[in-house]
Amino acid sequence: CEASGRIFSRNWMGWYRQAPGKQRELVARISTGGSTFYADSVK
C-alpha cells in the first residue's frame, strides 16, 4: 500500500478485509512510530 508522504507520515495505517457474507475486520495496523497490532486470527 503506497501512500502520499503526508498521509504516510501523519496517520496510522493498516489493512482491513471483508469476506463474502462477513463483516469488515481489522487485520493489522502500524502506527507512525512503527508499533504493530495483529488480529488474533492472523497473529
All heavy atoms as atom14 arrays in JSON, in Angstrom:
{
  "sequence": "CEASGRIFSRNWMGWYRQAPGKQRELVARISTGGSTFYADSVK",
  "atom14_mask": [
    [1, 1, 1, 1, 1, 1, 0, 0, 0, 0, 0, 0, 0, 0],
    [1, 1, 1, 1, 1, 1, 1, 1, 1, 0, 0, 0, 0, 0],
    [1, 1, 1, 1, 1, 0, 0, 0, 0, 0, 0, 0, 0, 0],
    [1, 1, 1, 1, 1, 1, 0, 0, 0, 0, 0, 0, 0, 0],
    [1, 1, 1, 1, 0, 0, 0, 0, 0, 0, 0, 0, 0, 0],
    [1, 1, 1, 1, 1, 1, 1, 1, 1, 1, 1, 0, 0, 0],
    [1, 1, 1, 1, 1, 1, 1, 1, 0, 0, 0, 0, 0, 0],
    [1, 1, 1, 1, 1, 1, 1, 1, 1, 1, 1, 0, 0, 0],
    [1, 1, 1, 1, 1, 1, 0, 0, 0, 0, 0, 0, 0, 0],
    [1, 1, 1, 1, 1, 1, 1, 1, 1, 1, 1, 0, 0, 0],
    [1, 1, 1, 1, 1, 1, 1, 1, 0, 0, 0, 0, 0, 0],
    [1, 1, 1, 1, 1, 1, 1, 1, 1, 1, 1, 1, 1, 1],
    [1, 1, 1, 1, 1, 1, 1, 1, 0, 0, 0, 0, 0, 0],
    [1, 1, 1, 1, 0, 0, 0, 0, 0, 0, 0, 0, 0, 0],
    [1, 1, 1, 1, 1, 1, 1, 1, 1, 1, 1, 1, 1, 1],
    [1, 1, 1, 1, 1, 1, 1, 1, 1, 1, 1, 1, 0, 0],
    [1, 1, 1, 1, 1, 1, 1, 1, 1, 1, 1, 0, 0, 0],
    [1, 1, 1, 1, 1, 1, 1, 1, 1, 0, 0, 0, 0, 0],
    [1, 1, 1, 1, 1, 0, 0, 0, 0, 0, 0, 0, 0, 0],
    [1, 1, 1, 1, 1, 1, 1, 0, 0, 0, 0, 0, 0, 0],
    [1, 1, 1, 1, 0, 0, 0, 0, 0, 0, 0, 0, 0, 0],
    [1, 1, 1, 1, 1, 1, 1, 1, 1, 0, 0, 0, 0, 0],
    [1, 1, 1, 1, 1, 1, 1, 1, 1, 0, 0, 0, 0, 0],
    [1, 1, 1, 1, 1, 1, 1, 1, 1, 1, 1, 0, 0, 0],
    [1, 1, 1, 1, 1, 1, 1, 1, 1, 0, 0, 0, 0, 0],
    [1, 1, 1, 1, 1, 1, 1, 1, 0, 0, 0, 0, 0, 0],
    [1, 1, 1, 1, 1, 1, 1, 0, 0, 0, 0, 0, 0, 0],
    [1, 1, 1, 1, 1, 0, 0, 0, 0, 0, 0, 0, 0, 0],
    [1, 1, 1, 1, 1, 1, 1, 1, 1, 1, 1, 0, 0, 0],
    [1, 1, 1, 1, 1, 1, 1, 1, 0, 0, 0, 0, 0, 0],
    [1, 1, 1, 1, 1, 1, 0, 0, 0, 0, 0, 0, 0, 0],
    [1, 1, 1, 1, 1, 1, 1, 0, 0, 0, 0, 0, 0, 0],
    [1, 1, 1, 1, 0, 0, 0, 0, 0, 0, 0, 0, 0, 0],
    [1, 1, 1, 1, 0, 0, 0, 0, 0, 0, 0, 0, 0, 0],
    [1, 1, 1, 1, 1, 1, 0, 0, 0, 0, 0, 0, 0, 0],
    [1, 1, 1, 1, 1, 1, 1, 0, 0, 0, 0, 0, 0, 0],
    [1, 1, 1, 1, 1, 1, 1, 1, 1, 1, 1, 0, 0, 0],
    [1, 1, 1, 1, 1, 1, 1, 1, 1, 1, 1, 1, 0, 0],
    [1, 1, 1, 1, 1, 0, 0, 0, 0, 0, 0, 0, 0, 0],
    [1, 1, 1, 1, 1, 1, 1, 1, 0, 0, 0, 0, 0, 0],
    [1, 1, 1, 1, 1, 1, 0, 0, 0, 0, 0, 0, 0, 0],
    [1, 1, 1, 1, 1, 1, 1, 0, 0, 0, 0, 0, 0, 0],
    [1, 1, 1, 1, 1, 1, 1, 1, 1, 0, 0, 0, 0, 0]
  ],
  "atom14_positions": [
    [[0.85, -1.18, 0.0], [0.0, 0.0, 0.0], [0.89, 1.23, 0.0], [1.58, 1.5, 0.99], [-0.93, 0.0, 1.21], [-1.96, 1.48, 1.36], [0.0, 0.0, 0.0], [0.0, 0.0, 0.0], [0.0, 0.0, 0.0], [0.0, 0.0, 0.0], [0.0, 0.0, 0.0], [0.0, 0.0, 0.0], [0.0, 0.0, 0.0], [0.0, 0.0, 0.0]],
    [[0.86, 1.94, -1.11], [1.67, 3.15, -1.24], [0.81, 4.37, -0.97], [-0.28, 4.51, -1.54], [2.29, 3.23, -2.63], [3.21, 4.42, -2.81], [3.85, 4.46, -4.18], [3.57, 3.57, -5.0], [4.64, 5.39, -4.44], [0.0, 0.0, 0.0], [0.0, 0.0, 0.0], [0.0, 0.0, 0.0], [0.0, 0.0, 0.0], [0.0, 0.0, 0.0]],
    [[1.3, 5.25, -0.13], [0.56, 6.44, 0.26], [1.35, 7.69, -0.08], [2.56, 7.64, -0.34], [0.25, 6.41, 1.75], [0.0, 0.0, 0.0], [0.0, 0.0, 0.0], [0.0, 0.0, 0.0], [0.0, 0.0, 0.0], [0.0, 0.0, 0.0], [0.0, 0.0, 0.0], [0.0, 0.0, 0.0], [0.0, 0.0, 0.0], [0.0, 0.0, 0.0]],
    [[0.67, 8.81, -0.06], [1.36, 10.08, -0.19], [2.19, 10.32, 1.06], [1.97, 9.73, 2.11], [0.36, 11.22, -0.38], [-0.34, 11.48, 0.81], [0.0, 0.0, 0.0], [0.0, 0.0, 0.0], [0.0, 0.0, 0.0], [0.0, 0.0, 0.0], [0.0, 0.0, 0.0], [0.0, 0.0, 0.0], [0.0, 0.0, 0.0], [0.0, 0.0, 0.0]],
    [[3.17, 11.19, 0.93], [4.02, 11.48, 2.07], [3.26, 12.01, 3.26], [3.53, 11.65, 4.4], [0.0, 0.0, 0.0], [0.0, 0.0, 0.0], [0.0, 0.0, 0.0], [0.0, 0.0, 0.0], [0.0, 0.0, 0.0], [0.0, 0.0, 0.0], [0.0, 0.0, 0.0], [0.0, 0.0, 0.0], [0.0, 0.0, 0.0], [0.0, 0.0, 0.0]],
    [[2.29, 12.88, 3.0], [1.51, 13.46, 4.08], [0.7, 12.41, 4.8], [0.66, 12.36, 6.03], [0.61, 14.57, 3.54], [-0.28, 15.2, 4.6], [-1.11, 16.33, 4.02], [-0.27, 17.43, 3.56], [-0.73, 18.52, 2.97], [-2.02, 18.66, 2.75], [0.12, 19.48, 2.59], [0.0, 0.0, 0.0], [0.0, 0.0, 0.0], [0.0, 0.0, 0.0]],
    [[0.02, 11.57, 4.05], [-0.79, 10.52, 4.65], [0.08, 9.53, 5.42], [-0.24, 9.13, 6.53], [-1.62, 9.79, 3.57], [-2.69, 10.73, 3.01], [-2.25, 8.53, 4.14], [-3.49, 10.13, 1.87], [0.0, 0.0, 0.0], [0.0, 0.0, 0.0], [0.0, 0.0, 0.0], [0.0, 0.0, 0.0], [0.0, 0.0, 0.0], [0.0, 0.0, 0.0]],
    [[1.19, 9.16, 4.82], [2.03, 8.15, 5.41], [2.63, 8.62, 6.73], [2.72, 7.85, 7.69], [3.14, 7.76, 4.44], [3.91, 6.54, 4.84], [3.45, 5.27, 4.51], [5.09, 6.65, 5.55], [4.15, 4.14, 4.86], [5.81, 5.53, 5.91], [5.34, 4.26, 5.57], [0.0, 0.0, 0.0], [0.0, 0.0, 0.0], [0.0, 0.0, 0.0]],
    [[3.03, 9.85, 6.79], [3.74, 10.35, 7.96], [2.81, 10.75, 9.1], [3.23, 10.74, 10.26], [4.63, 11.53, 7.58], [3.86, 12.62, 7.11], [0.0, 0.0, 0.0], [0.0, 0.0, 0.0], [0.0, 0.0, 0.0], [0.0, 0.0, 0.0], [0.0, 0.0, 0.0], [0.0, 0.0, 0.0], [0.0, 0.0, 0.0], [0.0, 0.0, 0.0]],
    [[1.58, 11.1, 8.8], [0.69, 11.67, 9.8], [-0.38, 10.71, 10.3], [-1.14, 11.08, 11.21], [0.0, 12.92, 9.24], [0.96, 14.05, 8.92], [0.23, 15.22, 8.29], [-0.72, 15.82, 9.21], [-0.44, 16.79, 10.07], [0.8, 17.26, 10.16], [-1.39, 17.27, 10.86], [0.0, 0.0, 0.0], [0.0, 0.0, 0.0], [0.0, 0.0, 0.0]],
    [[-0.46, 9.52, 9.77], [-1.57, 8.64, 10.07], [-1.12, 7.24, 10.46], [-0.06, 6.77, 10.05], [-2.51, 8.52, 8.87], [-3.25, 9.8, 8.58], [-4.23, 10.11, 9.26], [-2.79, 10.54, 7.58], [0.0, 0.0, 0.0], [0.0, 0.0, 0.0], [0.0, 0.0, 0.0], [0.0, 0.0, 0.0], [0.0, 0.0, 0.0], [0.0, 0.0, 0.0]],
    [[-1.95, 6.62, 11.27], [-1.89, 5.18, 11.41], [-2.27, 4.56, 10.07], [-3.08, 5.11, 9.32], [-2.88, 4.69, 12.46], [-2.68, 5.24, 13.84], [-3.06, 6.46, 14.31], [-2.1, 4.55, 14.95], [-2.73, 6.58, 15.64], [-2.15, 5.42, 16.06], [-1.55, 3.28, 15.11], [-1.65, 5.05, 17.31], [-1.06, 2.91, 16.36], [-1.12, 3.8, 17.44]],
    [[-1.74, 3.4, 9.8], [-2.08, 2.69, 8.58], [-2.33, 1.23, 8.89], [-1.73, 0.68, 9.83], [-0.99, 2.83, 7.52], [-0.76, 4.25, 7.05], [0.42, 4.37, 5.69], [-0.5, 3.53, 4.39], [0.0, 0.0, 0.0], [0.0, 0.0, 0.0], [0.0, 0.0, 0.0], [0.0, 0.0, 0.0], [0.0, 0.0, 0.0], [0.0, 0.0, 0.0]],
    [[-3.2, 0.63, 8.12], [-3.49, -0.77, 8.37], [-4.28, -1.39, 7.24], [-4.6, -0.76, 6.24], [0.0, 0.0, 0.0], [0.0, 0.0, 0.0], [0.0, 0.0, 0.0], [0.0, 0.0, 0.0], [0.0, 0.0, 0.0], [0.0, 0.0, 0.0], [0.0, 0.0, 0.0], [0.0, 0.0, 0.0], [0.0, 0.0, 0.0], [0.0, 0.0, 0.0]],
    [[-4.57, -2.66, 7.44], [-5.32, -3.44, 6.47], [-6.61, -3.95, 7.09], [-6.6, -4.51, 8.2], [-4.5, -4.63, 5.97], [-3.34, -4.26, 5.13], [-2.06, -4.06, 5.53], [-3.36, -4.04, 3.71], [-1.27, -3.73, 4.47], [-2.03, -3.72, 3.33], [-4.34, -4.09, 2.73], [-1.69, -3.44, 2.02], [-4.0, -3.81, 1.43], [-2.69, -3.49, 1.08]],
    [[-7.69, -3.75, 6.38], [-8.96, -4.36, 6.69], [-9.28, -5.39, 5.61], [-8.77, -5.32, 4.5], [-10.08, -3.33, 6.73], [-10.07, -2.44, 7.95], [-9.21, -1.36, 8.04], [-10.93, -2.69, 9.02], [-9.19, -0.54, 9.16], [-10.93, -1.88, 10.14], [-10.06, -0.81, 10.21], [-10.06, -0.01, 11.32], [0.0, 0.0, 0.0], [0.0, 0.0, 0.0]],
    [[-10.14, -6.32, 5.95], [-10.59, -7.28, 4.96], [-12.07, -7.56, 5.16], [-12.59, -7.47, 6.27], [-9.79, -8.58, 5.01], [-10.01, -9.42, 6.25], [-9.08, -10.63, 6.25], [-9.29, -11.49, 7.41], [-8.52, -12.52, 7.72], [-7.48, -12.83, 6.95], [-8.79, -13.26, 8.79], [0.0, 0.0, 0.0], [0.0, 0.0, 0.0], [0.0, 0.0, 0.0]],
    [[-12.71, -7.91, 4.07], [-14.11, -8.26, 4.11], [-14.34, -9.46, 3.21], [-14.13, -9.38, 2.0], [-15.0, -7.1, 3.69], [-16.48, -7.38, 3.9], [-17.32, -6.13, 3.89], [-16.91, -5.1, 3.36], [-18.5, -6.2, 4.49], [0.0, 0.0, 0.0], [0.0, 0.0, 0.0], [0.0, 0.0, 0.0], [0.0, 0.0, 0.0], [0.0, 0.0, 0.0]],
    [[-14.76, -10.54, 3.81], [-15.06, -11.76, 3.08], [-16.54, -11.79, 2.74], [-17.36, -11.13, 3.4], [-14.68, -12.98, 3.91], [0.0, 0.0, 0.0], [0.0, 0.0, 0.0], [0.0, 0.0, 0.0], [0.0, 0.0, 0.0], [0.0, 0.0, 0.0], [0.0, 0.0, 0.0], [0.0, 0.0, 0.0], [0.0, 0.0, 0.0], [0.0, 0.0, 0.0]],
    [[-16.92, -12.55, 1.73], [-18.34, -12.65, 1.38], [-19.17, -13.11, 2.56], [-18.85, -14.1, 3.22], [-18.35, -13.69, 0.26], [-16.99, -13.6, -0.35], [-16.07, -13.31, 0.8], [0.0, 0.0, 0.0], [0.0, 0.0, 0.0], [0.0, 0.0, 0.0], [0.0, 0.0, 0.0], [0.0, 0.0, 0.0], [0.0, 0.0, 0.0], [0.0, 0.0, 0.0]],
    [[-20.23, -12.37, 2.84], [-21.11, -12.7, 3.94], [-20.57, -12.38, 5.31], [-21.2, -12.73, 6.32], [0.0, 0.0, 0.0], [0.0, 0.0, 0.0], [0.0, 0.0, 0.0], [0.0, 0.0, 0.0], [0.0, 0.0, 0.0], [0.0, 0.0, 0.0], [0.0, 0.0, 0.0], [0.0, 0.0, 0.0], [0.0, 0.0, 0.0], [0.0, 0.0, 0.0]],
    [[-19.42, -11.73, 5.39], [-18.8, -11.39, 6.66], [-18.69, -9.88, 6.81], [-18.67, -9.14, 5.83], [-17.42, -12.03, 6.77], [-17.38, -13.53, 6.59], [-18.07, -14.25, 7.73], [-17.93, -15.75, 7.59], [-18.59, -16.48, 8.7], [0.0, 0.0, 0.0], [0.0, 0.0, 0.0], [0.0, 0.0, 0.0], [0.0, 0.0, 0.0], [0.0, 0.0, 0.0]],
    [[-18.59, -9.44, 8.05], [-18.37, -8.03, 8.29], [-16.9, -7.68, 8.14], [-16.02, -8.54, 8.27], [-18.88, -7.63, 9.68], [-18.21, -8.34, 10.83], [-18.81, -7.97, 12.17], [-19.66, -7.08, 12.26], [-18.39, -8.64, 13.22], [0.0, 0.0, 0.0], [0.0, 0.0, 0.0], [0.0, 0.0, 0.0], [0.0, 0.0, 0.0], [0.0, 0.0, 0.0]],
    [[-16.65, -6.43, 7.86], [-15.29, -5.97, 7.72], [-14.54, -6.08, 9.04], [-15.09, -5.8, 10.11], [-15.28, -4.51, 7.24], [-13.9, -3.97, 6.92], [-13.98, -2.48, 6.63], [-14.39, -1.74, 7.82], [-14.64, -0.44, 7.85], [-14.53, 0.29, 6.74], [-15.0, 0.15, 8.98], [0.0, 0.0, 0.0], [0.0, 0.0, 0.0], [0.0, 0.0, 0.0]],
    [[-13.29, -6.49, 8.98], [-12.5, -6.63, 10.18], [-11.1, -6.07, 9.97], [-10.55, -6.1, 8.87], [-12.4, -8.1, 10.6], [-11.69, -9.0, 9.6], [-11.52, -10.42, 10.09], [-11.71, -10.67, 11.31], [-11.17, -11.29, 9.27], [0.0, 0.0, 0.0], [0.0, 0.0, 0.0], [0.0, 0.0, 0.0], [0.0, 0.0, 0.0], [0.0, 0.0, 0.0]],
    [[-10.55, -5.57, 11.05], [-9.17, -5.1, 11.03], [-8.23, -6.3, 11.09], [-8.34, -7.14, 11.98], [-8.91, -4.18, 12.22], [-7.46, -3.69, 12.39], [-7.04, -2.8, 11.23], [-7.31, -2.95, 13.72], [0.0, 0.0, 0.0], [0.0, 0.0, 0.0], [0.0, 0.0, 0.0], [0.0, 0.0, 0.0], [0.0, 0.0, 0.0], [0.0, 0.0, 0.0]],
    [[-7.32, -6.36, 10.14], [-6.36, -7.44, 10.08], [-5.09, -7.08, 10.84], [-4.59, -7.86, 11.66], [-6.02, -7.79, 8.62], [-4.97, -8.89, 8.56], [-7.29, -8.21, 7.88], [0.0, 0.0, 0.0], [0.0, 0.0, 0.0], [0.0, 0.0, 0.0], [0.0, 0.0, 0.0], [0.0, 0.0, 0.0], [0.0, 0.0, 0.0], [0.0, 0.0, 0.0]],
    [[-4.55, -5.93, 10.55], [-3.32, -5.47, 11.17], [-3.18, -3.98, 10.96], [-3.74, -3.43, 10.01], [-2.1, -6.2, 10.58], [0.0, 0.0, 0.0], [0.0, 0.0, 0.0], [0.0, 0.0, 0.0], [0.0, 0.0, 0.0], [0.0, 0.0, 0.0], [0.0, 0.0, 0.0], [0.0, 0.0, 0.0], [0.0, 0.0, 0.0], [0.0, 0.0, 0.0]],
    [[-2.44, -3.34, 11.85], [-2.19, -1.92, 11.69], [-0.8, -1.58, 12.2], [-0.21, -2.31, 12.99], [-3.25, -1.07, 12.39], [-3.31, -1.23, 13.92], [-2.35, -0.31, 14.62], [-2.46, -0.4, 16.07], [-1.45, -0.18, 16.92], [-0.25, 0.15, 16.45], [-1.65, -0.28, 18.23], [0.0, 0.0, 0.0], [0.0, 0.0, 0.0], [0.0, 0.0, 0.0]],
    [[-0.29, -0.45, 11.74], [1.01, 0.03, 12.18], [0.91, 1.51, 12.46], [0.29, 2.26, 11.7], [2.11, -0.3, 11.14], [3.49, 0.03, 11.69], [1.84, 0.42, 9.82], [4.62, -0.58, 10.86], [0.0, 0.0, 0.0], [0.0, 0.0, 0.0], [0.0, 0.0, 0.0], [0.0, 0.0, 0.0], [0.0, 0.0, 0.0], [0.0, 0.0, 0.0]],
    [[1.51, 1.94, 13.54], [1.46, 3.33, 13.93], [2.57, 4.11, 13.23], [3.46, 3.55, 12.6], [1.6, 3.47, 15.44], [2.92, 3.19, 15.85], [0.0, 0.0, 0.0], [0.0, 0.0, 0.0], [0.0, 0.0, 0.0], [0.0, 0.0, 0.0], [0.0, 0.0, 0.0], [0.0, 0.0, 0.0], [0.0, 0.0, 0.0], [0.0, 0.0, 0.0]],
    [[2.49, 5.43, 13.36], [3.55, 6.26, 12.8], [4.89, 5.97, 13.47], [5.94, 6.21, 12.88], [3.21, 7.75, 12.95], [2.89, 8.03, 14.32], [2.02, 8.11, 12.07], [0.0, 0.0, 0.0], [0.0, 0.0, 0.0], [0.0, 0.0, 0.0], [0.0, 0.0, 0.0], [0.0, 0.0, 0.0], [0.0, 0.0, 0.0], [0.0, 0.0, 0.0]],
    [[4.85, 5.48, 14.71], [6.07, 5.1, 15.41], [6.55, 3.7, 15.12], [7.62, 3.31, 15.6], [0.0, 0.0, 0.0], [0.0, 0.0, 0.0], [0.0, 0.0, 0.0], [0.0, 0.0, 0.0], [0.0, 0.0, 0.0], [0.0, 0.0, 0.0], [0.0, 0.0, 0.0], [0.0, 0.0, 0.0], [0.0, 0.0, 0.0], [0.0, 0.0, 0.0]],
    [[5.78, 2.94, 14.35], [6.21, 1.62, 13.95], [5.68, 0.47, 14.79], [6.01, -0.69, 14.52], [0.0, 0.0, 0.0], [0.0, 0.0, 0.0], [0.0, 0.0, 0.0], [0.0, 0.0, 0.0], [0.0, 0.0, 0.0], [0.0, 0.0, 0.0], [0.0, 0.0, 0.0], [0.0, 0.0, 0.0], [0.0, 0.0, 0.0], [0.0, 0.0, 0.0]],
    [[4.88, 0.76, 15.8], [4.3, -0.32, 16.58], [3.19, -0.99, 15.8], [2.45, -0.34, 15.07], [3.78, 0.2, 17.92], [2.73, 1.14, 17.72], [0.0, 0.0, 0.0], [0.0, 0.0, 0.0], [0.0, 0.0, 0.0], [0.0, 0.0, 0.0], [0.0, 0.0, 0.0], [0.0, 0.0, 0.0], [0.0, 0.0, 0.0], [0.0, 0.0, 0.0]],
    [[3.06, -2.29, 15.96], [2.11, -3.06, 15.17], [1.09, -3.76, 16.05], [1.32, -4.03, 17.23], [2.83, -4.11, 14.31], [3.67, -4.92, 15.15], [3.68, -3.44, 13.25], [0.0, 0.0, 0.0], [0.0, 0.0, 0.0], [0.0, 0.0, 0.0], [0.0, 0.0, 0.0], [0.0, 0.0, 0.0], [0.0, 0.0, 0.0], [0.0, 0.0, 0.0]],
    [[-0.03, -4.04, 15.44], [-1.1, -4.81, 16.06], [-1.62, -5.8, 15.03], [-1.77, -5.46, 13.85], [-2.24, -3.89, 16.52], [-3.49, -4.63, 16.89], [-3.66, -5.16, 18.15], [-4.5, -4.8, 15.96], [-4.8, -5.86, 18.49], [-5.66, -5.49, 16.29], [-5.8, -6.02, 17.56], [0.0, 0.0, 0.0], [0.0, 0.0, 0.0], [0.0, 0.0, 0.0]],
    [[-1.93, -7.0, 15.5], [-2.47, -8.03, 14.62], [-3.71, -8.64, 15.23], [-3.78, -8.85, 16.45], [-1.46, -9.14, 14.39], [-0.17, -8.68, 13.76], [0.92, -8.33, 14.54], [-0.05, -8.6, 12.37], [2.11, -7.9, 13.96], [1.13, -8.18, 11.79], [2.2, -7.83, 12.58], [3.37, -7.41, 12.0], [0.0, 0.0, 0.0], [0.0, 0.0, 0.0]],
    [[-4.67, -8.9, 14.39], [-5.82, -9.66, 14.84], [-5.37, -11.06, 15.25], [-4.42, -11.61, 14.69], [-6.87, -9.75, 13.73], [0.0, 0.0, 0.0], [0.0, 0.0, 0.0], [0.0, 0.0, 0.0], [0.0, 0.0, 0.0], [0.0, 0.0, 0.0], [0.0, 0.0, 0.0], [0.0, 0.0, 0.0], [0.0, 0.0, 0.0], [0.0, 0.0, 0.0]],
    [[-6.07, -11.62, 16.22], [-5.69, -12.95, 16.69], [-5.69, -13.98, 15.57], [-4.89, -14.92, 15.58], [-6.63, -13.4, 17.81], [-6.41, -12.64, 19.11], [-5.34, -12.03, 19.27], [-7.32, -12.68, 19.97], [0.0, 0.0, 0.0], [0.0, 0.0, 0.0], [0.0, 0.0, 0.0], [0.0, 0.0, 0.0], [0.0, 0.0, 0.0], [0.0, 0.0, 0.0]],
    [[-6.58, -13.81, 14.62], [-6.71, -14.78, 13.55], [-5.5, -14.83, 12.62], [-5.3, -15.82, 11.92], [-7.97, -14.49, 12.73], [-7.92, -13.2, 12.16], [0.0, 0.0, 0.0], [0.0, 0.0, 0.0], [0.0, 0.0, 0.0], [0.0, 0.0, 0.0], [0.0, 0.0, 0.0], [0.0, 0.0, 0.0], [0.0, 0.0, 0.0], [0.0, 0.0, 0.0]],
    [[-4.69, -13.77, 12.6], [-3.54, -13.73, 11.71], [-2.22, -13.64, 12.45], [-1.15, -13.72, 11.82], [-3.65, -12.55, 10.71], [-4.98, -12.59, 9.98], [-3.47, -11.22, 11.43], [0.0, 0.0, 0.0], [0.0, 0.0, 0.0], [0.0, 0.0, 0.0], [0.0, 0.0, 0.0], [0.0, 0.0, 0.0], [0.0, 0.0, 0.0], [0.0, 0.0, 0.0]],
    [[-2.27, -13.5, 13.74], [-1.05, -13.36, 14.53], [-0.14, -14.57, 14.34], [-0.59, -15.71, 14.41], [-1.4, -13.17, 16.0], [-0.23, -12.76, 16.88], [-0.7, -12.46, 18.31], [-1.7, -11.32, 18.33], [-2.15, -10.99, 19.71], [0.0, 0.0, 0.0], [0.0, 0.0, 0.0], [0.0, 0.0, 0.0], [0.0, 0.0, 0.0], [0.0, 0.0, 0.0]]
  ]
}
